[in-house]
Amino acid sequence: MSTPAFTEQSLGKRGSEVITGAVTGKNFAIIVAGPSGATISAITCSNKSNASALIGTLPAGYTSYGNFSAITVTSGAIEAYNA
């Protein structure tokens, strides 16, 4: 029996990327704000209504699930888990 995709993603089995600038053209399933939080100035998520509401400062540990394809971090860091 194979491991469900959401479990693989949440455990980092598919890898992740720490974002401190702009990333486009990749697909992430989970984003988590770093230990100092993160400020986001742009975000694209195809399956999240009103994803632009995430623009601004996110507290440390803030986690969001979706199909993220672009994100711009202007302060702090986001760990983005590969979809």
N, C-alpha and C. Protein backbone atom coordinates (compact mmCIF):
# COMPACT_ATOMS: atom_id res chain seq x y z
N MET A 1 0.84 -1.17 0.00
CA MET A 1 0.00 0.00 0.00
C MET A 1 0.89 1.25 0.00
N SER A 2 0.62 2.18 -0.86
CA SER A 2 1.45 3.38 -0.94
C SER A 2 1.00 4.41 0.11
N THR A 3 1.93 5.30 0.44
CA THR A 3 1.64 6.37 1.39
C THR A 3 0.79 7.43 0.72
N PRO A 4 -0.28 7.90 1.36
CA PRO A 4 -1.09 8.96 0.76
C PRO A 4 -0.25 10.21 0.50
N ALA A 5 -0.53 10.90 -0.58
CA ALA A 5 0.26 12.07 -0.99
C ALA A 5 0.32 13.12 0.10
N PHE A 6 -0.78 13.40 0.79
CA PHE A 6 -0.75 14.45 1.80
C PHE A 6 0.20 14.10 2.93
N THR A 7 0.33 12.83 3.26
CA THR A 7 1.26 12.42 4.31
C THR A 7 2.69 12.60 3.83
N GLU A 8 2.98 12.21 2.61
CA GLU A 8 4.33 12.40 2.06
C GLU A 8 4.70 13.87 2.08
N GLN A 9 3.77 14.74 1.69
CA GLN A 9 4.05 16.17 1.65
C GLN A 9 4.26 16.71 3.05
N SER A 10 3.37 16.36 3.98
CA SER A 10 3.47 16.93 5.31
C SER A 10 4.71 16.46 6.06
N LEU A 11 5.24 15.31 5.70
CA LEU A 11 6.46 14.83 6.32
C LEU A 11 7.71 15.25 5.55
N GLY A 12 7.55 15.95 4.45
CA GLY A 12 8.68 16.45 3.68
C GLY A 12 9.32 15.42 2.78
N LYS A 13 8.68 14.27 2.58
CA LYS A 13 9.27 13.21 1.75
C LYS A 13 9.51 13.68 0.31
N ARG A 14 8.69 14.58 -0.18
CA ARG A 14 8.85 15.08 -1.55
C ARG A 14 9.79 16.27 -1.62
N GLY A 15 10.33 16.67 -0.49
CA GLY A 15 11.28 17.77 -0.46
C GLY A 15 10.61 19.10 -0.21
N SER A 16 11.42 20.07 0.10
CA SER A 16 10.91 21.42 0.35
C SER A 16 11.96 22.43 -0.06
N GLU A 17 11.56 23.67 -0.03
CA GLU A 17 12.44 24.77 -0.41
C GLU A 17 12.20 25.92 0.56
N VAL A 18 13.27 26.51 1.05
CA VAL A 18 13.13 27.70 1.88
C VAL A 18 13.16 28.91 0.95
N ILE A 19 12.09 29.69 1.01
CA ILE A 19 11.94 30.83 0.10
C ILE A 19 12.18 32.12 0.86
N THR A 20 13.10 32.93 0.34
CA THR A 20 13.39 34.23 0.93
C THR A 20 13.29 35.34 -0.12
N GLY A 21 12.80 35.01 -1.28
CA GLY A 21 12.64 35.95 -2.39
C GLY A 21 11.44 35.55 -3.20
N ALA A 22 11.56 35.61 -4.53
CA ALA A 22 10.45 35.27 -5.42
C ALA A 22 10.69 33.91 -6.08
N VAL A 23 9.64 33.10 -6.11
CA VAL A 23 9.69 31.79 -6.78
C VAL A 23 8.43 31.66 -7.62
N THR A 24 8.60 31.28 -8.89
CA THR A 24 7.47 31.03 -9.78
C THR A 24 7.74 29.74 -10.55
N GLY A 25 6.68 29.16 -11.10
CA GLY A 25 6.83 28.00 -11.95
C GLY A 25 7.06 26.69 -11.22
N LYS A 26 6.86 26.66 -9.92
CA LYS A 26 6.97 25.43 -9.16
C LYS A 26 5.62 25.18 -8.49
N ASN A 27 5.42 23.99 -8.00
CA ASN A 27 4.16 23.67 -7.32
C ASN A 27 4.45 23.22 -5.89
N PHE A 28 3.83 23.92 -4.96
CA PHE A 28 3.97 23.61 -3.55
C PHE A 28 2.60 23.30 -2.97
N ALA A 29 2.55 22.32 -2.06
CA ALA A 29 1.29 21.92 -1.45
C ALA A 29 1.08 22.55 -0.08
N ILE A 30 2.17 22.89 0.59
CA ILE A 30 2.10 23.43 1.94
C ILE A 30 3.12 24.55 2.06
N ILE A 31 2.74 25.65 2.71
CA ILE A 31 3.70 26.69 3.05
C ILE A 31 3.66 26.90 4.56
N VAL A 32 4.84 27.14 5.13
CA VAL A 32 4.96 27.35 6.58
C VAL A 32 5.88 28.55 6.79
N ALA A 33 5.41 29.54 7.57
CA ALA A 33 6.23 30.70 7.89
C ALA A 33 7.36 30.28 8.83
N GLY A 34 8.55 30.83 8.59
CA GLY A 34 9.74 30.49 9.37
C GLY A 34 9.67 31.00 10.81
N PRO A 35 10.74 30.78 11.56
CA PRO A 35 10.75 31.10 12.99
C PRO A 35 10.59 32.58 13.31
N SER A 36 10.87 33.46 12.36
CA SER A 36 10.68 34.89 12.57
C SER A 36 9.43 35.39 11.86
N GLY A 37 8.61 34.49 11.34
CA GLY A 37 7.47 34.88 10.54
C GLY A 37 7.92 35.22 9.13
N ALA A 38 7.00 35.74 8.32
CA ALA A 38 7.32 36.08 6.94
C ALA A 38 6.36 37.14 6.44
N THR A 39 6.88 38.00 5.58
CA THR A 39 6.04 38.98 4.90
C THR A 39 5.96 38.59 3.44
N ILE A 40 4.74 38.43 2.96
CA ILE A 40 4.49 38.01 1.57
C ILE A 40 3.90 39.20 0.82
N SER A 41 4.46 39.48 -0.37
CA SER A 41 3.94 40.58 -1.17
C SER A 41 3.15 40.10 -2.39
N ALA A 42 3.26 38.81 -2.73
CA ALA A 42 2.49 38.24 -3.84
C ALA A 42 2.40 36.74 -3.65
N ILE A 43 1.24 36.17 -4.03
CA ILE A 43 1.05 34.73 -3.89
C ILE A 43 0.02 34.27 -4.92
N THR A 44 0.24 33.10 -5.50
CA THR A 44 -0.72 32.50 -6.42
C THR A 44 -1.04 31.09 -5.93
N CYS A 45 -2.33 30.83 -5.74
CA CYS A 45 -2.79 29.52 -5.29
C CYS A 45 -4.08 29.22 -6.04
N SER A 46 -4.03 28.23 -6.94
CA SER A 46 -5.14 27.99 -7.86
C SER A 46 -6.38 27.40 -7.20
N ASN A 47 -6.25 26.81 -6.03
CA ASN A 47 -7.43 26.18 -5.44
C ASN A 47 -7.80 26.76 -4.08
N LYS A 48 -7.42 28.01 -3.84
CA LYS A 48 -7.75 28.67 -2.59
C LYS A 48 -8.49 29.97 -2.90
N SER A 49 -9.72 30.08 -2.47
CA SER A 49 -10.48 31.31 -2.67
C SER A 49 -9.83 32.42 -1.86
N ASN A 50 -9.69 33.59 -2.48
CA ASN A 50 -9.14 34.77 -1.81
C ASN A 50 -7.74 34.55 -1.26
N ALA A 51 -6.88 33.86 -2.02
CA ALA A 51 -5.50 33.61 -1.58
C ALA A 51 -4.76 34.92 -1.32
N SER A 52 -5.16 35.99 -1.97
CA SER A 52 -4.49 37.28 -1.78
C SER A 52 -4.63 37.78 -0.35
N ALA A 53 -5.55 37.22 0.43
CA ALA A 53 -5.69 37.60 1.83
C ALA A 53 -4.44 37.19 2.63
N LEU A 54 -3.63 36.29 2.08
CA LEU A 54 -2.39 35.89 2.75
C LEU A 54 -1.28 36.92 2.57
N ILE A 55 -1.47 37.88 1.68
CA ILE A 55 -0.47 38.92 1.48
C ILE A 55 -0.40 39.77 2.74
N GLY A 56 0.81 39.93 3.22
CA GLY A 56 1.03 40.66 4.47
C GLY A 56 1.98 39.87 5.33
N THR A 57 1.94 40.12 6.62
CA THR A 57 2.86 39.46 7.55
C THR A 57 2.18 38.25 8.18
N LEU A 58 2.84 37.11 8.06
CA LEU A 58 2.35 35.87 8.66
C LEU A 58 3.18 35.58 9.91
N PRO A 59 2.55 35.14 10.98
CA PRO A 59 3.30 34.83 12.20
C PRO A 59 4.11 33.55 12.04
N ALA A 60 5.12 33.41 12.87
CA ALA A 60 5.96 32.20 12.86
C ALA A 60 5.09 30.96 12.98
N GLY A 61 5.37 29.97 12.13
CA GLY A 61 4.65 28.70 12.17
C GLY A 61 3.33 28.67 11.43
N TYR A 62 2.89 29.83 10.91
CA TYR A 62 1.63 29.85 10.16
C TYR A 62 1.73 28.85 9.01
N THR A 63 0.72 28.00 8.86
CA THR A 63 0.72 26.95 7.84
C THR A 63 -0.52 27.08 6.98
N SER A 64 -0.33 26.92 5.67
CA SER A 64 -1.46 26.95 4.74
C SER A 64 -1.27 25.85 3.70
N TYR A 65 -2.38 25.21 3.33
CA TYR A 65 -2.39 24.13 2.36
C TYR A 65 -3.06 24.61 1.08
N GLY A 66 -2.57 24.16 -0.06
CA GLY A 66 -3.18 24.53 -1.34
C GLY A 66 -2.28 24.13 -2.49
N ASN A 67 -2.55 24.68 -3.66
CA ASN A 67 -1.73 24.44 -4.84
C ASN A 67 -1.04 25.75 -5.19
N PHE A 68 0.06 26.02 -4.49
CA PHE A 68 0.80 27.28 -4.65
C PHE A 68 1.76 27.17 -5.83
N SER A 69 1.72 28.14 -6.74
CA SER A 69 2.60 28.11 -7.90
C SER A 69 3.52 29.32 -7.98
N ALA A 70 3.30 30.32 -7.16
CA ALA A 70 4.18 31.49 -7.12
C ALA A 70 4.04 32.15 -5.75
N ILE A 71 5.17 32.60 -5.23
CA ILE A 71 5.16 33.30 -3.95
C ILE A 71 6.34 34.25 -3.90
N THR A 72 6.12 35.44 -3.35
CA THR A 72 7.19 36.41 -3.17
C THR A 72 7.26 36.77 -1.70
N VAL A 73 8.41 36.49 -1.10
CA VAL A 73 8.66 36.79 0.31
C VAL A 73 9.57 38.01 0.37
N THR A 74 9.15 39.04 1.08
CA THR A 74 9.95 40.26 1.17
C THR A 74 10.68 40.38 2.50
N SER A 75 10.31 39.57 3.48
CA SER A 75 10.97 39.58 4.77
C SER A 75 10.75 38.22 5.44
N GLY A 76 11.75 37.72 6.13
CA GLY A 76 11.63 36.42 6.77
C GLY A 76 11.77 35.30 5.76
N ALA A 77 11.17 34.17 6.07
CA ALA A 77 11.30 33.00 5.20
C ALA A 77 10.04 32.15 5.26
N ILE A 78 9.80 31.46 4.15
CA ILE A 78 8.72 30.48 4.04
C ILE A 78 9.35 29.15 3.66
N GLU A 79 8.98 28.08 4.35
CA GLU A 79 9.36 26.75 3.88
C GLU A 79 8.18 26.24 3.07
N ALA A 80 8.45 25.89 1.82
CA ALA A 80 7.40 25.44 0.90
C ALA A 80 7.66 23.98 0.55
N TYR A 81 6.66 23.14 0.81
CA TYR A 81 6.78 21.70 0.58
C TYR A 81 6.30 21.36 -0.84
N ASN A 82 7.12 20.62 -1.56
CA ASN A 82 6.81 20.26 -2.94
C ASN A 82 5.53 19.44 -3.04
N ALA A 83 4.74 19.75 -4.07
CA ALA A 83 3.49 19.01 -4.32
C ALA A 83 3.81 17.73 -5.07
